[in-house]
Structure formats: structure tokens, C-alpha cells
N, C-alpha and C. Protein backbone atom coordinates (compact mmCIF):
# COMPACT_ATOMS: atom_id res chain seq x y z
N MET A 1 -13.66 6.73 -19.10
CA MET A 1 -14.02 8.12 -19.10
C MET A 1 -15.53 8.29 -18.88
N VAL A 2 -16.34 7.44 -19.50
CA VAL A 2 -17.79 7.53 -19.36
C VAL A 2 -18.20 7.15 -17.94
N ALA A 3 -17.55 6.14 -17.37
CA ALA A 3 -17.89 5.70 -16.01
C ALA A 3 -17.57 6.79 -15.00
N GLU A 4 -16.48 7.50 -15.19
CA GLU A 4 -16.14 8.58 -14.26
C GLU A 4 -17.14 9.71 -14.33
N ALA A 5 -17.61 10.04 -15.51
CA ALA A 5 -18.57 11.12 -15.68
C ALA A 5 -19.92 10.76 -15.07
N SER A 6 -20.32 9.49 -15.13
CA SER A 6 -21.62 9.10 -14.58
C SER A 6 -21.59 9.00 -13.06
N LEU A 7 -20.43 8.82 -12.46
CA LEU A 7 -20.32 8.74 -11.00
C LEU A 7 -20.06 10.10 -10.36
N ALA A 8 -19.77 11.11 -11.14
CA ALA A 8 -19.43 12.43 -10.60
C ALA A 8 -20.53 13.02 -9.72
N PRO A 9 -21.80 12.92 -10.08
CA PRO A 9 -22.83 13.50 -9.20
C PRO A 9 -22.92 12.81 -7.84
N TYR A 10 -22.46 11.58 -7.74
CA TYR A 10 -22.56 10.83 -6.50
C TYR A 10 -21.32 10.96 -5.62
N ALA A 11 -20.31 11.65 -6.07
CA ALA A 11 -19.08 11.77 -5.30
C ALA A 11 -19.32 12.47 -3.97
N SER A 12 -20.11 13.52 -3.96
CA SER A 12 -20.36 14.23 -2.70
C SER A 12 -21.16 13.37 -1.72
N ILE A 13 -22.10 12.57 -2.25
CA ILE A 13 -22.88 11.69 -1.39
C ILE A 13 -21.99 10.60 -0.80
N LEU A 14 -21.14 10.01 -1.62
CA LEU A 14 -20.22 8.99 -1.12
C LEU A 14 -19.25 9.56 -0.10
N PHE A 15 -18.78 10.78 -0.34
CA PHE A 15 -17.90 11.43 0.63
C PHE A 15 -18.63 11.66 1.95
N LEU A 16 -19.89 12.09 1.89
CA LEU A 16 -20.67 12.32 3.10
C LEU A 16 -20.90 11.02 3.87
N ILE A 17 -21.19 9.94 3.17
CA ILE A 17 -21.39 8.64 3.82
C ILE A 17 -20.10 8.18 4.49
N ALA A 18 -18.97 8.34 3.81
CA ALA A 18 -17.68 7.97 4.39
C ALA A 18 -17.36 8.83 5.61
N LEU A 19 -17.65 10.12 5.53
CA LEU A 19 -17.40 11.02 6.66
C LEU A 19 -18.26 10.65 7.86
N ILE A 20 -19.50 10.32 7.62
CA ILE A 20 -20.39 9.90 8.71
C ILE A 20 -19.88 8.60 9.34
N GLY A 21 -19.42 7.66 8.52
CA GLY A 21 -18.86 6.42 9.05
C GLY A 21 -17.64 6.66 9.92
N VAL A 22 -16.76 7.55 9.48
CA VAL A 22 -15.56 7.87 10.26
C VAL A 22 -15.95 8.54 11.57
N ILE A 23 -16.89 9.48 11.51
CA ILE A 23 -17.32 10.16 12.74
C ILE A 23 -17.93 9.17 13.73
N CYS A 24 -18.72 8.23 13.24
CA CYS A 24 -19.33 7.22 14.13
C CYS A 24 -18.26 6.36 14.81
N VAL A 25 -17.29 5.91 14.03
CA VAL A 25 -16.23 5.07 14.60
C VAL A 25 -15.43 5.87 15.62
N VAL A 26 -15.09 7.11 15.32
CA VAL A 26 -14.33 7.95 16.25
C VAL A 26 -15.12 8.17 17.53
N MET A 27 -16.42 8.44 17.41
CA MET A 27 -17.23 8.66 18.62
C MET A 27 -17.32 7.41 19.48
N LEU A 28 -17.45 6.25 18.85
CA LEU A 28 -17.50 5.00 19.62
C LEU A 28 -16.17 4.73 20.32
N LEU A 29 -15.07 4.96 19.62
CA LEU A 29 -13.76 4.73 20.24
C LEU A 29 -13.52 5.72 21.38
N LEU A 30 -13.90 6.98 21.19
CA LEU A 30 -13.74 7.96 22.27
C LEU A 30 -14.62 7.62 23.48
N ALA A 31 -15.84 7.20 23.24
CA ALA A 31 -16.72 6.82 24.35
C ALA A 31 -16.16 5.62 25.10
N HIS A 32 -15.58 4.68 24.39
CA HIS A 32 -14.99 3.51 25.04
C HIS A 32 -13.73 3.90 25.84
N ALA A 33 -12.96 4.84 25.32
CA ALA A 33 -11.71 5.24 26.00
C ALA A 33 -11.98 6.14 27.20
N VAL A 34 -13.02 6.93 27.18
CA VAL A 34 -13.26 7.93 28.23
C VAL A 34 -14.19 7.43 29.33
N ARG A 35 -14.94 6.39 29.09
CA ARG A 35 -15.95 5.94 30.05
C ARG A 35 -15.32 5.50 31.37
N PRO A 36 -16.06 5.64 32.46
CA PRO A 36 -15.55 5.14 33.74
C PRO A 36 -15.59 3.62 33.75
N ALA A 37 -14.66 3.04 34.49
CA ALA A 37 -14.52 1.59 34.51
C ALA A 37 -15.16 0.96 35.74
N ARG A 38 -16.08 1.65 36.40
CA ARG A 38 -16.73 1.09 37.58
C ARG A 38 -17.77 0.05 37.18
N LYS A 39 -17.73 -1.09 37.82
CA LYS A 39 -18.70 -2.15 37.55
C LYS A 39 -19.22 -2.66 38.88
N GLY A 40 -20.35 -3.30 38.85
CA GLY A 40 -20.93 -3.87 40.04
C GLY A 40 -22.35 -4.34 39.77
N ASP A 41 -22.95 -4.99 40.78
CA ASP A 41 -24.30 -5.52 40.60
C ASP A 41 -25.32 -4.40 40.38
N VAL A 42 -25.17 -3.31 41.14
CA VAL A 42 -26.12 -2.21 41.00
C VAL A 42 -25.94 -1.51 39.65
N LYS A 43 -24.70 -1.30 39.22
CA LYS A 43 -24.43 -0.64 37.94
C LYS A 43 -24.91 -1.48 36.76
N ASP A 44 -24.78 -2.80 36.85
CA ASP A 44 -25.13 -3.68 35.75
C ASP A 44 -26.61 -4.09 35.73
N SER A 45 -27.38 -3.69 36.74
CA SER A 45 -28.79 -4.08 36.78
C SER A 45 -29.59 -3.19 35.82
N THR A 46 -30.76 -3.71 35.41
CA THR A 46 -31.61 -2.95 34.50
C THR A 46 -32.30 -1.82 35.26
N TYR A 47 -32.65 -0.78 34.55
CA TYR A 47 -33.31 0.37 35.16
C TYR A 47 -34.57 0.66 34.36
N GLU A 48 -35.72 0.55 35.02
CA GLU A 48 -36.99 0.84 34.37
C GLU A 48 -37.74 1.88 35.17
N SER A 49 -37.42 3.11 34.95
CA SER A 49 -38.11 4.24 35.59
C SER A 49 -38.07 4.16 37.10
N GLY A 50 -37.00 3.67 37.65
CA GLY A 50 -36.86 3.60 39.09
C GLY A 50 -37.52 2.40 39.73
N MET A 51 -38.17 1.57 38.95
CA MET A 51 -38.87 0.40 39.48
C MET A 51 -38.03 -0.85 39.21
N PRO A 52 -38.05 -1.81 40.12
CA PRO A 52 -37.33 -3.06 39.84
C PRO A 52 -38.00 -3.80 38.68
N ALA A 53 -37.21 -4.46 37.88
CA ALA A 53 -37.74 -5.18 36.72
C ALA A 53 -38.59 -6.35 37.18
N ILE A 54 -39.73 -6.53 36.51
CA ILE A 54 -40.65 -7.62 36.84
C ILE A 54 -40.70 -8.56 35.64
N GLY A 55 -40.32 -9.79 35.82
CA GLY A 55 -40.40 -10.76 34.74
C GLY A 55 -39.24 -10.65 33.77
N ASP A 56 -39.33 -11.46 32.73
CA ASP A 56 -38.29 -11.52 31.71
C ASP A 56 -38.59 -10.51 30.60
N ALA A 57 -37.60 -9.83 30.13
CA ALA A 57 -37.79 -8.85 29.05
C ALA A 57 -38.01 -9.52 27.71
N ARG A 58 -37.71 -10.79 27.60
CA ARG A 58 -37.85 -11.50 26.33
C ARG A 58 -39.10 -12.36 26.29
N ARG A 59 -40.18 -11.90 26.91
CA ARG A 59 -41.42 -12.67 26.89
C ARG A 59 -42.11 -12.49 25.53
N ARG A 60 -43.02 -13.38 25.25
CA ARG A 60 -43.73 -13.35 23.98
C ARG A 60 -44.85 -12.32 24.02
N PHE A 61 -45.03 -11.64 22.90
CA PHE A 61 -46.11 -10.70 22.76
C PHE A 61 -47.20 -11.30 21.89
N ASN A 62 -48.39 -10.79 22.05
CA ASN A 62 -49.49 -11.20 21.21
C ASN A 62 -49.17 -10.80 19.76
N VAL A 63 -49.53 -11.65 18.82
CA VAL A 63 -49.22 -11.39 17.42
C VAL A 63 -49.95 -10.16 16.91
N ARG A 64 -51.01 -9.73 17.57
CA ARG A 64 -51.74 -8.54 17.13
C ARG A 64 -50.86 -7.29 17.18
N PHE A 65 -49.92 -7.22 18.09
CA PHE A 65 -49.02 -6.07 18.13
C PHE A 65 -48.24 -5.97 16.82
N TYR A 66 -47.76 -7.09 16.34
CA TYR A 66 -46.99 -7.10 15.11
C TYR A 66 -47.87 -6.82 13.90
N ILE A 67 -49.09 -7.36 13.92
CA ILE A 67 -50.01 -7.12 12.80
C ILE A 67 -50.37 -5.65 12.72
N VAL A 68 -50.64 -5.02 13.87
CA VAL A 68 -50.96 -3.60 13.86
C VAL A 68 -49.76 -2.78 13.39
N ALA A 69 -48.56 -3.19 13.77
CA ALA A 69 -47.35 -2.49 13.30
C ALA A 69 -47.21 -2.62 11.79
N MET A 70 -47.46 -3.80 11.26
CA MET A 70 -47.38 -3.98 9.80
C MET A 70 -48.47 -3.19 9.09
N LEU A 71 -49.67 -3.14 9.67
CA LEU A 71 -50.74 -2.35 9.06
C LEU A 71 -50.40 -0.87 9.09
N PHE A 72 -49.79 -0.42 10.17
CA PHE A 72 -49.37 0.98 10.23
C PHE A 72 -48.38 1.28 9.12
N LEU A 73 -47.41 0.39 8.92
CA LEU A 73 -46.44 0.60 7.84
C LEU A 73 -47.11 0.60 6.48
N LEU A 74 -48.05 -0.31 6.30
CA LEU A 74 -48.75 -0.40 5.02
C LEU A 74 -49.48 0.90 4.71
N PHE A 75 -50.23 1.42 5.67
CA PHE A 75 -51.01 2.63 5.42
C PHE A 75 -50.14 3.87 5.49
N ASP A 76 -49.01 3.80 6.14
CA ASP A 76 -48.11 4.94 6.19
C ASP A 76 -47.36 5.11 4.87
N VAL A 77 -47.19 4.03 4.14
CA VAL A 77 -46.51 4.10 2.85
C VAL A 77 -47.34 4.91 1.86
N GLU A 78 -48.65 4.95 2.08
CA GLU A 78 -49.50 5.75 1.19
C GLU A 78 -49.05 7.21 1.17
N VAL A 79 -48.64 7.73 2.30
CA VAL A 79 -48.18 9.11 2.36
C VAL A 79 -46.91 9.28 1.54
N VAL A 80 -46.06 8.27 1.52
CA VAL A 80 -44.83 8.34 0.74
C VAL A 80 -45.15 8.46 -0.75
N PHE A 81 -46.22 7.82 -1.20
CA PHE A 81 -46.61 7.93 -2.60
C PHE A 81 -47.40 9.20 -2.87
N LEU A 82 -48.17 9.66 -1.89
CA LEU A 82 -48.94 10.89 -2.09
C LEU A 82 -48.07 12.14 -2.11
N TRP A 83 -46.99 12.12 -1.36
CA TRP A 83 -46.14 13.32 -1.24
C TRP A 83 -45.57 13.78 -2.58
N PRO A 84 -44.93 12.93 -3.39
CA PRO A 84 -44.44 13.43 -4.69
C PRO A 84 -45.56 13.58 -5.72
N TRP A 85 -46.66 12.86 -5.55
CA TRP A 85 -47.76 12.95 -6.50
C TRP A 85 -48.46 14.30 -6.42
N ALA A 86 -48.60 14.85 -5.23
CA ALA A 86 -49.38 16.07 -5.03
C ALA A 86 -48.84 17.26 -5.84
N PRO A 87 -47.54 17.59 -5.80
CA PRO A 87 -47.10 18.73 -6.61
C PRO A 87 -47.21 18.49 -8.12
N VAL A 88 -47.01 17.25 -8.55
CA VAL A 88 -47.14 16.95 -9.97
C VAL A 88 -48.59 17.12 -10.40
N PHE A 89 -49.51 16.63 -9.58
CA PHE A 89 -50.94 16.78 -9.89
C PHE A 89 -51.33 18.26 -9.85
N HIS A 90 -50.83 18.99 -8.88
CA HIS A 90 -51.15 20.42 -8.78
C HIS A 90 -50.68 21.17 -10.03
N LYS A 91 -49.48 20.85 -10.49
CA LYS A 91 -48.95 21.51 -11.69
C LYS A 91 -49.81 21.17 -12.90
N ALA A 92 -50.18 19.90 -13.04
CA ALA A 92 -51.00 19.49 -14.19
C ALA A 92 -52.39 20.09 -14.12
N ALA A 93 -52.95 20.19 -12.91
CA ALA A 93 -54.31 20.71 -12.78
C ALA A 93 -54.38 22.22 -12.95
N THR A 94 -53.36 22.94 -12.47
CA THR A 94 -53.43 24.41 -12.54
C THR A 94 -52.98 24.95 -13.90
N THR A 95 -52.00 24.30 -14.52
CA THR A 95 -51.52 24.80 -15.81
C THR A 95 -52.21 24.15 -16.99
N GLY A 96 -52.79 22.99 -16.79
CA GLY A 96 -53.47 22.28 -17.86
C GLY A 96 -52.53 21.56 -18.81
N GLU A 97 -51.24 21.59 -18.54
CA GLU A 97 -50.31 20.92 -19.45
C GLU A 97 -50.21 19.44 -19.13
N MET A 98 -49.78 18.68 -20.10
CA MET A 98 -49.64 17.24 -19.95
C MET A 98 -48.30 16.94 -19.27
N ILE A 99 -48.31 15.98 -18.37
CA ILE A 99 -47.11 15.55 -17.67
C ILE A 99 -46.60 14.28 -18.34
N THR A 100 -45.32 14.21 -18.56
CA THR A 100 -44.74 13.01 -19.16
C THR A 100 -44.41 12.01 -18.05
N THR A 101 -44.91 10.79 -18.20
CA THR A 101 -44.67 9.76 -17.20
C THR A 101 -43.30 9.16 -17.39
N ALA A 102 -42.93 8.24 -16.49
CA ALA A 102 -41.62 7.59 -16.58
C ALA A 102 -41.50 6.76 -17.85
N GLY A 103 -42.62 6.25 -18.35
CA GLY A 103 -42.60 5.46 -19.58
C GLY A 103 -42.62 6.31 -20.84
N GLY A 104 -42.67 7.65 -20.66
CA GLY A 104 -42.66 8.55 -21.80
C GLY A 104 -44.05 8.88 -22.33
N GLN A 105 -45.08 8.36 -21.68
CA GLN A 105 -46.44 8.61 -22.11
C GLN A 105 -46.97 9.91 -21.48
N PRO A 106 -47.73 10.71 -22.22
CA PRO A 106 -48.31 11.92 -21.63
C PRO A 106 -49.48 11.58 -20.72
N ALA A 107 -49.60 12.32 -19.63
CA ALA A 107 -50.68 12.08 -18.68
C ALA A 107 -51.31 13.41 -18.30
N SER A 108 -52.62 13.44 -18.32
CA SER A 108 -53.35 14.66 -17.94
C SER A 108 -53.65 14.63 -16.45
N ALA A 109 -54.20 15.73 -15.95
CA ALA A 109 -54.57 15.81 -14.54
C ALA A 109 -55.64 14.79 -14.21
N GLY A 110 -56.56 14.55 -15.14
CA GLY A 110 -57.61 13.54 -14.92
C GLY A 110 -57.04 12.15 -14.77
N PHE A 111 -56.05 11.81 -15.60
CA PHE A 111 -55.41 10.50 -15.48
C PHE A 111 -54.69 10.37 -14.15
N LEU A 112 -53.97 11.43 -13.75
CA LEU A 112 -53.25 11.38 -12.47
C LEU A 112 -54.21 11.21 -11.30
N LEU A 113 -55.35 11.92 -11.36
CA LEU A 113 -56.34 11.80 -10.29
C LEU A 113 -56.95 10.40 -10.27
N ALA A 114 -57.23 9.84 -11.45
CA ALA A 114 -57.81 8.50 -11.51
C ALA A 114 -56.82 7.45 -10.99
N ALA A 115 -55.55 7.61 -11.33
CA ALA A 115 -54.55 6.65 -10.86
C ALA A 115 -54.44 6.68 -9.34
N MET A 116 -54.42 7.87 -8.76
CA MET A 116 -54.32 7.96 -7.30
C MET A 116 -55.62 7.51 -6.63
N THR A 117 -56.75 7.70 -7.29
CA THR A 117 -58.02 7.22 -6.75
C THR A 117 -58.02 5.70 -6.69
N VAL A 118 -57.53 5.04 -7.72
CA VAL A 118 -57.45 3.58 -7.72
C VAL A 118 -56.51 3.10 -6.63
N PHE A 119 -55.37 3.77 -6.48
CA PHE A 119 -54.42 3.41 -5.43
C PHE A 119 -55.05 3.55 -4.05
N THR A 120 -55.72 4.67 -3.82
CA THR A 120 -56.36 4.91 -2.52
C THR A 120 -57.51 3.93 -2.30
N LEU A 121 -58.21 3.59 -3.36
CA LEU A 121 -59.31 2.63 -3.24
C LEU A 121 -58.81 1.26 -2.79
N PHE A 122 -57.66 0.83 -3.33
CA PHE A 122 -57.06 -0.42 -2.87
C PHE A 122 -56.77 -0.38 -1.37
N LEU A 123 -56.24 0.74 -0.90
CA LEU A 123 -55.94 0.86 0.53
C LEU A 123 -57.20 0.90 1.37
N VAL A 124 -58.24 1.55 0.89
CA VAL A 124 -59.50 1.60 1.64
C VAL A 124 -60.12 0.22 1.72
N VAL A 125 -60.07 -0.54 0.63
CA VAL A 125 -60.60 -1.90 0.64
C VAL A 125 -59.80 -2.77 1.63
N GLY A 126 -58.49 -2.62 1.64
CA GLY A 126 -57.67 -3.35 2.62
C GLY A 126 -57.97 -2.95 4.04
N PHE A 127 -58.18 -1.66 4.27
CA PHE A 127 -58.54 -1.18 5.60
C PHE A 127 -59.89 -1.73 6.04
N ALA A 128 -60.88 -1.73 5.14
CA ALA A 128 -62.21 -2.26 5.47
C ALA A 128 -62.14 -3.76 5.76
N TYR A 129 -61.32 -4.48 5.00
CA TYR A 129 -61.16 -5.92 5.22
C TYR A 129 -60.58 -6.19 6.61
N GLU A 130 -59.53 -5.43 6.95
CA GLU A 130 -58.92 -5.62 8.27
C GLU A 130 -59.88 -5.23 9.38
N TRP A 131 -60.63 -4.20 9.18
CA TRP A 131 -61.61 -3.76 10.18
C TRP A 131 -62.67 -4.85 10.38
N ARG A 132 -63.16 -5.42 9.27
CA ARG A 132 -64.18 -6.45 9.35
C ARG A 132 -63.65 -7.70 10.05
N ARG A 133 -62.37 -8.00 9.87
CA ARG A 133 -61.78 -9.17 10.52
C ARG A 133 -61.50 -8.94 12.00
N GLY A 134 -61.64 -7.68 12.47
CA GLY A 134 -61.45 -7.38 13.88
C GLY A 134 -60.02 -7.13 14.28
N MET A 135 -59.19 -6.69 13.35
CA MET A 135 -57.78 -6.44 13.66
C MET A 135 -57.57 -5.25 14.58
N PHE A 136 -58.53 -4.37 14.65
CA PHE A 136 -58.34 -3.15 15.45
C PHE A 136 -59.02 -3.24 16.82
N GLN A 137 -59.49 -4.43 17.20
CA GLN A 137 -60.12 -4.63 18.51
C GLN A 137 -59.10 -5.29 19.45
N TRP A 138 -59.01 -4.78 20.66
CA TRP A 138 -58.06 -5.30 21.64
C TRP A 138 -58.79 -6.05 22.75
N ASP A 139 -59.42 -7.14 22.39
CA ASP A 139 -60.19 -7.94 23.38
C ASP A 139 -59.29 -8.62 24.37
């Protein structure tokens, strides 16, 4: 009885996930059944903006492309943490009331600002380190 009550809020989400899965399978099967069956060298060749393909598509890339992609993800995650923090900080700063943290401890607007400052400072130090190492130069 307790297990059923705790899963009740997730029933609609599970139903939506199952419905999306069924729709995807149906769309794939319909696309496979309705598609034209014409094949040939011209149909099976690659198409790159009307130009013939030059070289192999599986060539190696410089590792800097991957490093820049990882750095983008690293610094983009900061926004994910700032987004929920901003309204909580705004509420604490404008009303002056204490916010209860996940650990049950009260936190003031000053504490929230200091915590986000430390978090941002870590990211700025990482950004400066990468800049000094020349990660953003494309020589």
C-alpha cells in the first residue's frame, strides 16, 4: 500500500514515456512500410550540399576540438546551477527571510551569495588556467 502511494505522482510521467515510445516505434514502422524501394549508386551516395564528397568522413580530428567541446559543457553547466539559484536568492534578498537548505540548515541571502561567488570563482580560475595554457588559440 505504501509503495503504491509513493509511485502515484510518477504514473503520469511513466505513461507519457510509454506513449512516446509507442509513437516512436509506430512512426519508424510506418516510415519503413511507406518508403519507396528504389535503390542505386546515385541514391546511395553521400550528399554534401551538392558537392561530391572529398576524403573519408571518418578522419581524425585535432584533439582541441574535443577539449573545446568539453570546456563548453563545463562552463555551460554553470547556467544550470545559476538558474534555480537565482529565484531562491531573489526571494531571500527581497523578503529577508531565511531559506532552509536541503540539509535543513537555515541560509541567509549573504550565505547564498557567498556560496555562488565561491562556485563562480572556481569556474573563473579554471577558465584563466585554460586561457593561460592556450586552449582557446587555433594555431
